[in-house]
Amino acid sequence: EVQLVESGGGLVQSGGSLRLSCAASGFTFDDYAIGWFRQAPGKEREGVSYITDSDRSTYYIRSVQGRFTISLDNAKNTVFLQMNNLRPEDTAVYYCAAGGTIVGGTAELPAFIDDYWGQGTQVTVSS
C-alpha cells in the first residue's frame, strides 16, 4: 500500500522553528519529484517547496526563501521541511506529495504532477 505520512506540525510562536517529516511507504522517492504544499483556512492550496525528479533541484516560493529548507533522506525514504523564523502567515495544513515536475508552472515553482498525497499536518504560528 502506498502511503505518505506527515508529522512534526504543531503550535509555535512567531520566530520559532518546526521540522516537518514525510515518510513514504509502498514506493521510494528515488524516481519521484517531491513537494510540500500548504492550505490556509479559506485559501487555495499552494506549493511551497519542491525537489524535482530530473536533477533533484530545489525550489521555494519567495515568501519562504531563506527560512525553509527541503531535504531528502534516501536511506529513510523520508523528506523533511525545516521551517525557521516562522510567521503567522505560515499557519496552514502542510501536505507532502510525490509525483513529477515539468517545465512550466510559475516563475517560482515548476508545474507539479501529483501521484500521491499525505494526510497533512497542522502548523499554527501565533503572533
C-alpha atoms as a PDB file:
ATOM      1  CA  GLU A   1       0.000   0.000   0.000  1.00  0.00           C
ATOM      2  CA  VAL A   2       1.325   3.405  -0.967  1.00  0.00           C
ATOM      3  CA  GLN A   3       1.376   5.894   1.879  1.00  0.00           C
ATOM      4  CA  LEU A   4       2.813   9.283   2.710  1.00  0.00           C
ATOM      5  CA  VAL A   5       2.658  10.167   6.379  1.00  0.00           C
ATOM      6  CA  GLU A   6       3.459  13.680   7.557  1.00  0.00           C
ATOM      7  CA  SER A   7       4.429  14.575  11.092  1.00  0.00           C
ATOM      8  CA  GLY A   8       6.067  17.375  13.016  1.00  0.00           C
ATOM      9  CA  GLY A   9       3.386  20.012  12.924  1.00  0.00           C
ATOM     10  CA  GLY A  10       2.270  21.921  15.977  1.00  0.00           C
ATOM     11  CA  LEU A  11       1.823  25.276  17.624  1.00  0.00           C
ATOM     12  CA  VAL A  12       4.803  27.605  17.718  1.00  0.00           C
ATOM     13  CA  GLN A  13       5.348  31.270  18.425  1.00  0.00           C
ATOM     14  CA  SER A  14       6.334  33.694  15.719  1.00  0.00           C
ATOM     15  CA  GLY A  15      10.057  33.380  15.069  1.00  0.00           C
ATOM     16  CA  GLY A  16      10.121  29.753  16.121  1.00  0.00           C
ATOM     17  CA  SER A  17      11.019  26.639  14.164  1.00  0.00           C
ATOM     18  CA  LEU A  18       9.450  23.351  13.204  1.00  0.00           C
ATOM     19  CA  ARG A  19      10.693  20.399  11.208  1.00  0.00           C
ATOM     20  CA  LEU A  20       8.106  18.534   9.180  1.00  0.00           C
ATOM     21  CA  SER A  21       8.707  14.961   8.103  1.00  0.00           C
ATOM     22  CA  CYS A  22       7.049  12.950   5.374  1.00  0.00           C
ATOM     23  CA  ALA A  23       7.726   9.220   5.391  1.00  0.00           C
ATOM     24  CA  ALA A  24       6.915   7.157   2.318  1.00  0.00           C
ATOM     25  CA  SER A  25       5.964   3.504   2.247  1.00  0.00           C
ATOM     26  CA  GLY A  26       4.986   1.263  -0.642  1.00  0.00           C
ATOM     27  CA  PHE A  27       7.293   3.125  -3.029  1.00  0.00           C
ATOM     28  CA  THR A  28      10.571   5.025  -2.916  1.00  0.00           C
ATOM     29  CA  PHE A  29      11.155   8.699  -3.506  1.00  0.00           C
ATOM     30  CA  ASP A  30      14.035   7.852  -5.871  1.00  0.00           C
ATOM     31  CA  ASP A  31      12.047   8.259  -9.062  1.00  0.00           C
ATOM     32  CA  TYR A  32       9.670  10.964  -7.954  1.00  0.00           C
ATOM     33  CA  ALA A  33       9.550  14.682  -7.532  1.00  0.00           C
ATOM     34  CA  ILE A  34       8.594  15.651  -4.018  1.00  0.00           C
ATOM     35  CA  GLY A  35       6.603  18.648  -2.998  1.00  0.00           C
ATOM     36  CA  TRP A  36       5.488  20.373   0.157  1.00  0.00           C
ATOM     37  CA  PHE A  37       2.202  22.221  -0.144  1.00  0.00           C
ATOM     38  CA  ARG A  38       0.072  24.133   2.301  1.00  0.00           C
ATOM     39  CA  GLN A  39      -3.501  25.251   2.608  1.00  0.00           C
ATOM     40  CA  ALA A  40      -4.534  28.035   4.929  1.00  0.00           C
ATOM     41  CA  PRO A  41      -8.154  28.470   6.040  1.00  0.00           C
ATOM     42  CA  GLY A  42     -10.222  29.986   3.261  1.00  0.00           C
ATOM     43  CA  LYS A  43      -7.376  29.837   0.766  1.00  0.00           C
ATOM     44  CA  GLU A  44      -6.387  27.553  -2.069  1.00  0.00           C
ATOM     45  CA  ARG A  45      -3.648  25.024  -1.614  1.00  0.00           C
ATOM     46  CA  GLU A  46      -0.281  26.343  -2.739  1.00  0.00           C
ATOM     47  CA  GLY A  47       3.054  24.803  -3.487  1.00  0.00           C
ATOM     48  CA  VAL A  48       5.752  25.744  -1.012  1.00  0.00           C
ATOM     49  CA  SER A  49       8.869  23.841  -1.975  1.00  0.00           C
ATOM     50  CA  TYR A  50       9.786  21.104  -4.437  1.00  0.00           C
ATOM     51  CA  ILE A  51      12.586  18.698  -5.219  1.00  0.00           C
ATOM     52  CA  THR A  52      12.481  17.904  -8.920  1.00  0.00           C
ATOM     53  CA  ASP A  53      12.613  14.376 -10.269  1.00  0.00           C
ATOM     54  CA  SER A  54      15.014  15.227 -13.081  1.00  0.00           C
ATOM     55  CA  ASP A  55      18.080  16.630 -11.339  1.00  0.00           C
ATOM     56  CA  ARG A  56      16.975  16.988  -7.701  1.00  0.00           C
ATOM     57  CA  SER A  57      16.959  20.755  -7.895  1.00  0.00           C
ATOM     58  CA  THR A  58      15.106  22.506  -5.112  1.00  0.00           C
ATOM     59  CA  TYR A  59      12.615  25.323  -5.479  1.00  0.00           C
ATOM     60  CA  TYR A  60      10.878  27.594  -2.990  1.00  0.00           C
ATOM     61  CA  ILE A  61       8.205  30.195  -3.180  1.00  0.00           C
ATOM     62  CA  ARG A  62       9.530  33.658  -2.480  1.00  0.00           C
ATOM     63  CA  SER A  63       7.795  34.055   0.848  1.00  0.00           C
ATOM     64  CA  VAL A  64       9.704  31.137   2.395  1.00  0.00           C
ATOM     65  CA  GLN A  65      13.094  31.524   0.700  1.00  0.00           C
ATOM     66  CA  GLY A  66      15.849  31.760   3.271  1.00  0.00           C
ATOM     67  CA  ARG A  67      13.568  30.413   6.015  1.00  0.00           C
ATOM     68  CA  PHE A  68      12.518  26.945   4.798  1.00  0.00           C
ATOM     69  CA  THR A  69      14.741  24.099   3.635  1.00  0.00           C
ATOM     70  CA  ILE A  70      13.568  20.949   1.872  1.00  0.00           C
ATOM     71  CA  SER A  71      15.730  17.852   2.107  1.00  0.00           C
ATOM     72  CA  LEU A  72      15.541  14.148   1.364  1.00  0.00           C
ATOM     73  CA  ASP A  73      16.978  11.242   3.315  1.00  0.00           C
ATOM     74  CA  ASN A  74      17.052   8.410   0.812  1.00  0.00           C
ATOM     75  CA  ALA A  75      18.042   5.828   3.407  1.00  0.00           C
ATOM     76  CA  LYS A  76      14.952   6.634   5.452  1.00  0.00           C
ATOM     77  CA  ASN A  77      12.764   7.314   2.415  1.00  0.00           C
ATOM     78  CA  THR A  78      11.715  10.487   4.176  1.00  0.00           C
ATOM     79  CA  VAL A  79      11.553  14.099   3.086  1.00  0.00           C
ATOM     80  CA  PHE A  80      11.840  16.986   5.504  1.00  0.00           C
ATOM     81  CA  LEU A  81      10.845  20.611   5.564  1.00  0.00           C
ATOM     82  CA  GLN A  82      12.853  22.622   8.062  1.00  0.00           C
ATOM     83  CA  MET A  83      10.952  25.796   8.821  1.00  0.00           C
ATOM     84  CA  ASN A  84      12.723  28.598  10.644  1.00  0.00           C
ATOM     85  CA  ASN A  85      11.683  32.100  11.598  1.00  0.00           C
ATOM     86  CA  LEU A  86       8.048  31.138  11.263  1.00  0.00           C
ATOM     87  CA  ARG A  87       5.439  33.818  10.770  1.00  0.00           C
ATOM     88  CA  PRO A  88       1.699  33.842  11.494  1.00  0.00           C
ATOM     89  CA  GLU A  89       1.065  33.792   7.737  1.00  0.00           C
ATOM     90  CA  ASP A  90       2.754  30.382   7.582  1.00  0.00           C
ATOM     91  CA  THR A  91      -0.197  28.937   9.500  1.00  0.00           C
ATOM     92  CA  ALA A  92      -1.742  26.190   7.366  1.00  0.00           C
ATOM     93  CA  VAL A  93      -2.159  22.477   6.924  1.00  0.00           C
ATOM     94  CA  TYR A  94       1.015  21.239   5.283  1.00  0.00           C
ATOM     95  CA  TYR A  95       0.953  18.326   2.868  1.00  0.00           C
ATOM     96  CA  CYS A  96       3.648  16.379   1.124  1.00  0.00           C
ATOM     97  CA  ALA A  97       3.187  14.860  -2.301  1.00  0.00           C
ATOM     98  CA  ALA A  98       5.126  12.696  -4.705  1.00  0.00           C
ATOM     99  CA  GLY A  99       4.851  12.910  -8.443  1.00  0.00           C
ATOM    100  CA  GLY A 100       6.660  14.615 -11.269  1.00  0.00           C
ATOM    101  CA  THR A 101       7.720  18.108 -12.215  1.00  0.00           C
ATOM    102  CA  ILE A 102       7.652  19.595 -15.662  1.00  0.00           C
ATOM    103  CA  VAL A 103       8.679  22.881 -17.165  1.00  0.00           C
ATOM    104  CA  GLY A 104       6.030  25.498 -16.743  1.00  0.00           C
ATOM    105  CA  GLY A 105       4.144  26.420 -13.634  1.00  0.00           C
ATOM    106  CA  THR A 106       5.016  29.779 -12.103  1.00  0.00           C
ATOM    107  CA  ALA A 107       8.141  31.903 -12.004  1.00  0.00           C
ATOM    108  CA  GLU A 108       8.937  30.356  -8.624  1.00  0.00           C
ATOM    109  CA  LEU A 109       7.956  26.713  -8.969  1.00  0.00           C
ATOM    110  CA  PRO A 110       7.779  24.209 -11.834  1.00  0.00           C
ATOM    111  CA  ALA A 111       4.472  22.528 -12.526  1.00  0.00           C
ATOM    112  CA  PHE A 112       3.844  19.551 -10.241  1.00  0.00           C
ATOM    113  CA  ILE A 113       2.004  16.487 -11.440  1.00  0.00           C
ATOM    114  CA  ASP A 114       0.846  14.698  -8.325  1.00  0.00           C
ATOM    115  CA  ASP A 115       0.581  10.957  -7.855  1.00  0.00           C
ATOM    116  CA  TYR A 116       0.439  10.527  -4.084  1.00  0.00           C
ATOM    117  CA  TRP A 117      -0.571  12.760  -1.196  1.00  0.00           C
ATOM    118  CA  GLY A 118      -0.205  12.618   2.544  1.00  0.00           C
ATOM    119  CA  GLN A 119      -2.959  13.424   5.008  1.00  0.00           C
ATOM    120  CA  GLY A 120      -1.475  16.708   6.154  1.00  0.00           C
ATOM    121  CA  THR A 121      -0.128  18.142   9.386  1.00  0.00           C
ATOM    122  CA  GLN A 122      -1.295  21.349  11.032  1.00  0.00           C
ATOM    123  CA  VAL A 123       1.153  24.174  11.584  1.00  0.00           C
ATOM    124  CA  THR A 124      -0.050  27.089  13.678  1.00  0.00           C
ATOM    125  CA  VAL A 125       2.128  30.126  14.290  1.00  0.00           C
ATOM    126  CA  SER A 126       0.981  32.539  16.980  1.00  0.00           C
ATOM    127  CA  SER A 127       1.924  36.188  16.959  1.00  0.00           C
END
